[in-house]
Amino acid sequence: LNFLRTFMQILIKEYREGSKEESMKHIINAAYEATLKKYHGFIVKKVFSGVSGFAPYRKDYLLKMALGKEGQEEQVIKDMEAYLDTMSPVIDVMSQLYKDKGLDTDEKV
């Protein structure tokens, strides 16, 4: 969940800043770096690196999120922002619960 939150936050930020970059590979990699990478060993990191190469272009992703409706990019971004407003506090509570119960470890898989 934290990975998805970070992915959406970066995507929204770049969209709002008017970034012309269509590849989302760097967004996926940045979210991975910030959230999951520390939990993964060498092999899983390599698998993730390979899979991230199949990331769709931003325009294609937003079109899919808009259920194929052209010109709805802004609405999709607004919906993502609304989702993040609701989801982020839940993720924060879950993360704190993991820490409080000693379940948040740096063990690698």
N, C-alpha and C. Protein backbone atom coordinates (compact mmCIF):
# COMPACT_ATOMS: atom_id res chain seq x y z
N LEU A 1 0.83 -1.20 0.00
CA LEU A 1 0.00 0.00 0.00
C LEU A 1 0.87 1.26 0.00
N ASN A 2 1.95 1.21 0.75
CA ASN A 2 2.83 2.37 0.80
C ASN A 2 3.47 2.61 -0.58
N PHE A 3 3.81 1.53 -1.27
CA PHE A 3 4.35 1.66 -2.63
C PHE A 3 3.33 2.34 -3.55
N LEU A 4 2.08 1.89 -3.51
CA LEU A 4 1.04 2.48 -4.36
C LEU A 4 0.81 3.94 -4.01
N ARG A 5 0.82 4.25 -2.73
CA ARG A 5 0.65 5.65 -2.31
C ARG A 5 1.78 6.51 -2.88
N THR A 6 3.01 6.05 -2.72
CA THR A 6 4.15 6.81 -3.19
C THR A 6 4.12 6.94 -4.71
N PHE A 7 3.78 5.86 -5.40
CA PHE A 7 3.65 5.90 -6.86
C PHE A 7 2.65 6.98 -7.27
N MET A 8 1.47 6.99 -6.66
CA MET A 8 0.46 7.98 -7.02
C MET A 8 0.90 9.39 -6.66
N GLN A 9 1.56 9.56 -5.53
CA GLN A 9 2.02 10.89 -5.14
C GLN A 9 3.00 11.46 -6.17
N ILE A 10 3.93 10.64 -6.62
CA ILE A 10 4.91 11.10 -7.61
C ILE A 10 4.23 11.37 -8.95
N LEU A 11 3.35 10.47 -9.36
CA LEU A 11 2.62 10.65 -10.61
C LEU A 11 1.84 11.96 -10.61
N ILE A 12 1.12 12.21 -9.53
CA ILE A 12 0.32 13.44 -9.40
C ILE A 12 1.23 14.66 -9.42
N LYS A 13 2.31 14.61 -8.67
CA LYS A 13 3.24 15.75 -8.59
C LYS A 13 3.78 16.09 -9.98
N GLU A 14 4.24 15.08 -10.70
CA GLU A 14 4.78 15.33 -12.04
C GLU A 14 3.70 15.86 -12.99
N TYR A 15 2.51 15.32 -12.89
CA TYR A 15 1.41 15.80 -13.74
C TYR A 15 1.12 17.27 -13.42
N ARG A 16 1.01 17.59 -12.15
CA ARG A 16 0.71 18.96 -11.73
C ARG A 16 1.81 19.95 -12.11
N GLU A 17 3.05 19.47 -12.15
CA GLU A 17 4.18 20.32 -12.53
C GLU A 17 4.32 20.45 -14.04
N GLY A 18 3.49 19.74 -14.78
CA GLY A 18 3.50 19.83 -16.23
C GLY A 18 4.60 19.04 -16.90
N SER A 19 5.08 18.01 -16.22
CA SER A 19 6.14 17.18 -16.80
C SER A 19 5.68 16.59 -18.13
N LYS A 20 6.57 16.63 -19.10
CA LYS A 20 6.28 16.06 -20.41
C LYS A 20 6.73 14.60 -20.52
N GLU A 21 7.39 14.10 -19.48
CA GLU A 21 7.88 12.72 -19.47
C GLU A 21 6.70 11.76 -19.48
N GLU A 22 6.64 10.91 -20.49
CA GLU A 22 5.54 9.96 -20.60
C GLU A 22 5.88 8.60 -19.99
N SER A 23 7.13 8.24 -19.98
CA SER A 23 7.51 6.96 -19.37
C SER A 23 7.28 7.04 -17.86
N MET A 24 6.71 5.99 -17.31
CA MET A 24 6.49 5.97 -15.86
C MET A 24 7.50 5.08 -15.14
N LYS A 25 8.47 4.55 -15.88
CA LYS A 25 9.45 3.67 -15.26
C LYS A 25 10.17 4.37 -14.10
N HIS A 26 10.55 5.63 -14.29
CA HIS A 26 11.26 6.35 -13.23
C HIS A 26 10.37 6.58 -12.01
N ILE A 27 9.07 6.71 -12.22
CA ILE A 27 8.13 6.89 -11.10
C ILE A 27 8.03 5.58 -10.32
N ILE A 28 7.89 4.49 -11.03
CA ILE A 28 7.82 3.17 -10.39
C ILE A 28 9.10 2.89 -9.63
N ASN A 29 10.24 3.18 -10.25
CA ASN A 29 11.52 2.93 -9.58
C ASN A 29 11.71 3.82 -8.36
N ALA A 30 11.28 5.06 -8.43
CA ALA A 30 11.39 5.96 -7.27
C ALA A 30 10.51 5.48 -6.12
N ALA A 31 9.29 5.04 -6.44
CA ALA A 31 8.39 4.52 -5.40
C ALA A 31 8.96 3.24 -4.79
N TYR A 32 9.52 2.40 -5.63
CA TYR A 32 10.14 1.15 -5.15
C TYR A 32 11.31 1.46 -4.24
N GLU A 33 12.16 2.37 -4.68
CA GLU A 33 13.34 2.77 -3.91
C GLU A 33 12.94 3.28 -2.52
N ALA A 34 11.87 4.06 -2.47
CA ALA A 34 11.44 4.68 -1.22
C ALA A 34 10.68 3.74 -0.29
N THR A 35 10.14 2.64 -0.82
CA THR A 35 9.25 1.83 0.01
C THR A 35 9.64 0.36 0.15
N LEU A 36 9.92 -0.32 -0.92
CA LEU A 36 10.07 -1.77 -0.89
C LEU A 36 11.49 -2.29 -1.01
N LYS A 37 12.35 -1.53 -1.64
CA LYS A 37 13.68 -2.03 -1.98
C LYS A 37 14.44 -2.57 -0.78
N LYS A 38 14.33 -1.91 0.35
CA LYS A 38 15.11 -2.35 1.53
C LYS A 38 14.70 -3.73 2.03
N TYR A 39 13.53 -4.19 1.63
CA TYR A 39 13.04 -5.50 2.05
C TYR A 39 13.40 -6.62 1.08
N HIS A 40 13.98 -6.27 -0.06
CA HIS A 40 14.23 -7.25 -1.10
C HIS A 40 15.69 -7.60 -1.25
N GLY A 41 15.94 -8.88 -1.45
CA GLY A 41 17.28 -9.35 -1.72
C GLY A 41 17.63 -9.16 -3.19
N PHE A 42 18.80 -9.61 -3.55
CA PHE A 42 19.35 -9.42 -4.89
C PHE A 42 18.41 -9.91 -6.00
N ILE A 43 17.90 -11.11 -5.86
CA ILE A 43 17.08 -11.70 -6.93
C ILE A 43 15.76 -10.93 -7.10
N VAL A 44 15.09 -10.62 -6.01
CA VAL A 44 13.82 -9.90 -6.11
C VAL A 44 14.05 -8.51 -6.69
N LYS A 45 15.14 -7.86 -6.32
CA LYS A 45 15.46 -6.55 -6.89
C LYS A 45 15.63 -6.64 -8.41
N LYS A 46 16.31 -7.67 -8.86
CA LYS A 46 16.52 -7.85 -10.30
C LYS A 46 15.19 -8.13 -11.02
N VAL A 47 14.36 -8.94 -10.41
CA VAL A 47 13.05 -9.24 -11.00
C VAL A 47 12.24 -7.94 -11.10
N PHE A 48 12.23 -7.17 -10.04
CA PHE A 48 11.48 -5.92 -10.05
C PHE A 48 12.01 -4.98 -11.13
N SER A 49 13.31 -4.90 -11.24
CA SER A 49 13.94 -4.04 -12.25
C SER A 49 13.49 -4.45 -13.65
N GLY A 50 13.44 -5.73 -13.90
CA GLY A 50 12.99 -6.22 -15.19
C GLY A 50 11.53 -5.93 -15.45
N VAL A 51 10.71 -6.15 -14.45
CA VAL A 51 9.27 -5.93 -14.59
C VAL A 51 8.96 -4.45 -14.78
N SER A 52 9.69 -3.58 -14.11
CA SER A 52 9.41 -2.14 -14.22
C SER A 52 9.63 -1.63 -15.64
N GLY A 53 10.40 -2.36 -16.43
CA GLY A 53 10.61 -1.98 -17.82
C GLY A 53 9.35 -2.09 -18.67
N PHE A 54 8.35 -2.77 -18.15
CA PHE A 54 7.09 -2.92 -18.87
C PHE A 54 6.05 -1.88 -18.45
N ALA A 55 6.48 -0.86 -17.75
CA ALA A 55 5.55 0.18 -17.29
C ALA A 55 4.90 0.87 -18.50
N PRO A 56 3.61 1.14 -18.40
CA PRO A 56 2.94 1.82 -19.51
C PRO A 56 3.34 3.30 -19.55
N TYR A 57 3.05 3.94 -20.66
CA TYR A 57 3.22 5.39 -20.74
C TYR A 57 2.13 6.05 -19.92
N ARG A 58 2.45 7.23 -19.39
CA ARG A 58 1.50 7.94 -18.52
C ARG A 58 0.16 8.16 -19.21
N LYS A 59 0.18 8.62 -20.47
CA LYS A 59 -1.08 8.90 -21.17
C LYS A 59 -1.93 7.64 -21.30
N ASP A 60 -1.28 6.50 -21.56
CA ASP A 60 -2.00 5.23 -21.67
C ASP A 60 -2.55 4.79 -20.32
N TYR A 61 -1.77 4.97 -19.27
CA TYR A 61 -2.20 4.61 -17.92
C TYR A 61 -3.42 5.44 -17.52
N LEU A 62 -3.33 6.75 -17.72
CA LEU A 62 -4.45 7.62 -17.34
C LEU A 62 -5.69 7.32 -18.17
N LEU A 63 -5.51 6.97 -19.44
CA LEU A 63 -6.65 6.59 -20.28
C LEU A 63 -7.31 5.31 -19.75
N LYS A 64 -6.51 4.34 -19.35
CA LYS A 64 -7.06 3.11 -18.76
C LYS A 64 -7.79 3.41 -17.46
N MET A 65 -7.21 4.28 -16.65
CA MET A 65 -7.85 4.64 -15.38
C MET A 65 -9.16 5.39 -15.61
N ALA A 66 -9.27 6.05 -16.78
CA ALA A 66 -10.50 6.77 -17.15
C ALA A 66 -11.47 5.86 -17.90
N LEU A 67 -11.21 4.56 -17.86
CA LEU A 67 -12.06 3.57 -18.52
C LEU A 67 -12.19 3.84 -20.01
N GLY A 68 -11.09 4.31 -20.62
CA GLY A 68 -11.05 4.52 -22.05
C GLY A 68 -11.65 5.83 -22.53
N LYS A 69 -12.08 6.69 -21.62
CA LYS A 69 -12.68 7.97 -22.00
C LYS A 69 -11.58 9.02 -22.22
N GLU A 70 -11.48 9.51 -23.44
CA GLU A 70 -10.48 10.51 -23.78
C GLU A 70 -10.72 11.82 -23.02
N GLY A 71 -9.65 12.55 -22.74
CA GLY A 71 -9.77 13.88 -22.14
C GLY A 71 -10.14 13.90 -20.67
N GLN A 72 -10.00 12.78 -19.98
CA GLN A 72 -10.38 12.70 -18.57
C GLN A 72 -9.18 12.66 -17.62
N GLU A 73 -8.00 13.03 -18.13
CA GLU A 73 -6.79 12.95 -17.32
C GLU A 73 -6.91 13.74 -16.01
N GLU A 74 -7.42 14.97 -16.13
CA GLU A 74 -7.56 15.82 -14.93
C GLU A 74 -8.48 15.19 -13.90
N GLN A 75 -9.57 14.60 -14.35
CA GLN A 75 -10.50 13.95 -13.43
C GLN A 75 -9.86 12.74 -12.76
N VAL A 76 -9.09 11.97 -13.52
CA VAL A 76 -8.38 10.82 -12.94
C VAL A 76 -7.42 11.30 -11.86
N ILE A 77 -6.68 12.35 -12.14
CA ILE A 77 -5.73 12.89 -11.16
C ILE A 77 -6.48 13.37 -9.91
N LYS A 78 -7.60 14.06 -10.10
CA LYS A 78 -8.42 14.51 -8.96
C LYS A 78 -8.92 13.32 -8.15
N ASP A 79 -9.34 12.27 -8.83
CA ASP A 79 -9.81 11.06 -8.14
C ASP A 79 -8.67 10.42 -7.35
N MET A 80 -7.47 10.40 -7.94
CA MET A 80 -6.31 9.86 -7.22
C MET A 80 -6.01 10.68 -5.98
N GLU A 81 -6.11 12.00 -6.11
CA GLU A 81 -5.88 12.87 -4.95
C GLU A 81 -6.89 12.60 -3.85
N ALA A 82 -8.15 12.44 -4.23
CA ALA A 82 -9.20 12.13 -3.24
C ALA A 82 -8.94 10.78 -2.59
N TYR A 83 -8.54 9.81 -3.39
CA TYR A 83 -8.22 8.48 -2.86
C TYR A 83 -7.06 8.57 -1.87
N LEU A 84 -6.03 9.33 -2.23
CA LEU A 84 -4.88 9.48 -1.33
C LEU A 84 -5.27 10.16 -0.03
N ASP A 85 -6.17 11.14 -0.12
CA ASP A 85 -6.62 11.82 1.10
C ASP A 85 -7.26 10.84 2.07
N THR A 86 -7.96 9.85 1.53
CA THR A 86 -8.61 8.84 2.36
C THR A 86 -7.66 7.72 2.75
N MET A 87 -6.84 7.29 1.79
CA MET A 87 -5.98 6.13 2.01
C MET A 87 -4.78 6.43 2.90
N SER A 88 -4.19 7.60 2.77
CA SER A 88 -2.95 7.90 3.50
C SER A 88 -3.08 7.77 5.02
N PRO A 89 -4.13 8.31 5.63
CA PRO A 89 -4.24 8.13 7.08
C PRO A 89 -4.36 6.65 7.50
N VAL A 90 -5.01 5.85 6.69
CA VAL A 90 -5.16 4.42 6.99
C VAL A 90 -3.79 3.74 6.91
N ILE A 91 -3.02 4.06 5.88
CA ILE A 91 -1.68 3.48 5.74
C ILE A 91 -0.80 3.91 6.90
N ASP A 92 -0.92 5.17 7.31
CA ASP A 92 -0.12 5.65 8.44
C ASP A 92 -0.45 4.89 9.73
N VAL A 93 -1.73 4.65 9.96
CA VAL A 93 -2.15 3.90 11.15
C VAL A 93 -1.63 2.46 11.07
N MET A 94 -1.75 1.85 9.90
CA MET A 94 -1.26 0.48 9.74
C MET A 94 0.25 0.41 9.95
N SER A 95 0.98 1.37 9.41
CA SER A 95 2.44 1.40 9.57
C SER A 95 2.81 1.55 11.04
N GLN A 96 2.09 2.40 11.76
CA GLN A 96 2.37 2.60 13.17
C GLN A 96 2.06 1.33 13.96
N LEU A 97 0.99 0.65 13.61
CA LEU A 97 0.64 -0.60 14.27
C LEU A 97 1.75 -1.63 14.08
N TYR A 98 2.27 -1.75 12.87
CA TYR A 98 3.39 -2.66 12.61
C TYR A 98 4.58 -2.31 13.49
N LYS A 99 4.89 -1.03 13.59
CA LYS A 99 6.02 -0.60 14.43
C LYS A 99 5.75 -0.90 15.90
N ASP A 100 4.55 -0.57 16.35
CA ASP A 100 4.20 -0.79 17.76
C ASP A 100 4.26 -2.26 18.14
N LYS A 101 3.92 -3.13 17.23
CA LYS A 101 3.90 -4.57 17.51
C LYS A 101 5.22 -5.26 17.14
N GLY A 102 6.20 -4.46 16.72
CA GLY A 102 7.51 -5.02 16.38
C GLY A 102 7.50 -5.84 15.10
N LEU A 103 6.55 -5.57 14.22
CA LEU A 103 6.42 -6.33 12.99
C LEU A 103 7.10 -5.65 11.80
N ASP A 104 7.55 -4.44 11.99
CA ASP A 104 8.21 -3.68 10.92
C ASP A 104 9.71 -3.96 11.01
N THR A 105 10.16 -4.92 10.23
CA THR A 105 11.57 -5.30 10.26
C THR A 105 12.21 -5.02 8.91
N ASP A 106 13.51 -5.07 8.88
CA ASP A 106 14.24 -4.89 7.63
C ASP A 106 14.65 -6.22 7.02
N GLU A 107 13.98 -7.30 7.43
CA GLU A 107 14.30 -8.61 6.89
C GLU A 107 14.04 -8.62 5.39
N LYS A 108 14.91 -9.30 4.68
CA LYS A 108 14.83 -9.35 3.22
C LYS A 108 14.13 -10.63 2.77
N VAL A 109 13.47 -10.52 1.63
CA VAL A 109 12.82 -11.69 1.04
C VAL A 109 13.46 -12.00 -0.31
